[in-house]
């Protein structure tokens, strides 16, 4: 697989190759998006998702507050 913008493998490149050669469907996504192609974005995504979980939110929030002191 050739790398695209930012020297990353791009989903849009794969999508462009598919168009015209097989059925192609899309959906509009209304949720929050994270850039997991960067180390910081990956950590941000995991932290945000953990804070949304009832079984983890309190523990993760306390950890983050303590870490930022």
Protein backbone atom coordinates (compact mmCIF):
# COMPACT_ATOMS: atom_id res chain seq x y z
CA UNK A 1 0.00 0.00 0.00
CA UNK A 2 1.38 3.38 -0.99
CA UNK A 3 1.40 6.10 1.65
CA UNK A 4 -0.50 9.33 1.01
CA UNK A 5 -0.73 12.70 2.75
CA UNK A 6 1.42 13.02 5.86
CA UNK A 7 3.20 9.81 4.82
CA UNK A 8 0.20 7.86 6.15
CA UNK A 9 -1.96 5.22 4.51
CA UNK A 10 -5.13 7.13 3.66
CA UNK A 11 -8.62 5.67 3.79
CA UNK A 12 -9.66 8.11 1.07
CA UNK A 13 -7.10 6.58 -1.32
CA UNK A 14 -8.66 3.15 -0.80
CA UNK A 15 -12.13 4.60 -1.29
CA UNK A 16 -11.10 6.26 -4.55
CA UNK A 17 -9.79 2.92 -5.85
CA UNK A 18 -13.08 1.20 -5.01
CA UNK A 19 -15.34 3.67 -6.81
CA UNK A 20 -16.38 2.30 -10.17
CA UNK A 21 -15.09 -1.21 -9.54
CA UNK A 22 -17.60 -2.38 -6.94
CA UNK A 23 -20.64 -1.17 -4.99
CA UNK A 24 -19.73 1.70 -2.70
CA UNK A 25 -21.84 3.05 0.16
CA UNK A 26 -21.34 5.87 2.64
CA UNK A 27 -22.95 7.23 5.78
CA UNK A 28 -22.80 10.67 7.34
CA UNK A 29 -21.10 10.41 10.75
CA UNK A 30 -22.36 12.84 13.38
CA UNK A 31 -20.11 11.79 16.27
CA UNK A 32 -16.81 13.12 17.58
CA UNK A 33 -13.76 12.30 15.47
CA UNK A 34 -10.21 11.81 16.72
CA UNK A 35 -6.92 11.72 14.80
CA UNK A 36 -5.54 8.37 15.93
CA UNK A 37 -2.81 8.70 13.31
CA UNK A 38 -0.84 10.79 15.80
CA UNK A 39 0.35 9.68 19.22
CA UNK A 40 -1.33 12.65 20.94
CA UNK A 41 -4.59 12.06 19.06
CA UNK A 42 -4.59 8.40 20.07
CA UNK A 43 -4.18 9.33 23.75
CA UNK A 44 -6.85 12.04 23.46
CA UNK A 45 -9.32 9.56 21.95
CA UNK A 46 -8.73 7.00 24.67
CA UNK A 47 -9.02 9.59 27.42
CA UNK A 48 -12.24 11.05 25.99
CA UNK A 49 -13.84 7.63 25.61
CA UNK A 50 -12.76 6.55 29.10
CA UNK A 51 -14.33 9.71 30.56
CA UNK A 52 -17.63 8.84 28.85
CA UNK A 53 -17.78 5.39 30.45
CA UNK A 54 -19.65 5.15 33.76
CA UNK A 55 -17.42 2.30 34.93
CA UNK A 56 -14.20 4.30 34.37
CA UNK A 57 -14.96 8.03 34.43
CA UNK A 58 -14.40 8.72 38.13
CA UNK A 59 -11.11 6.83 38.31
CA UNK A 60 -9.76 8.34 35.09
CA UNK A 61 -10.85 11.87 36.07
CA UNK A 62 -9.13 11.52 39.47
CA UNK A 63 -5.98 10.23 37.76
CA UNK A 64 -5.94 13.15 35.30
CA UNK A 65 -6.52 15.74 38.03
CA UNK A 66 -3.72 14.25 40.15
CA UNK A 67 -1.41 14.08 37.13
CA UNK A 68 -2.01 17.75 36.30
CA UNK A 69 -1.24 19.05 39.81
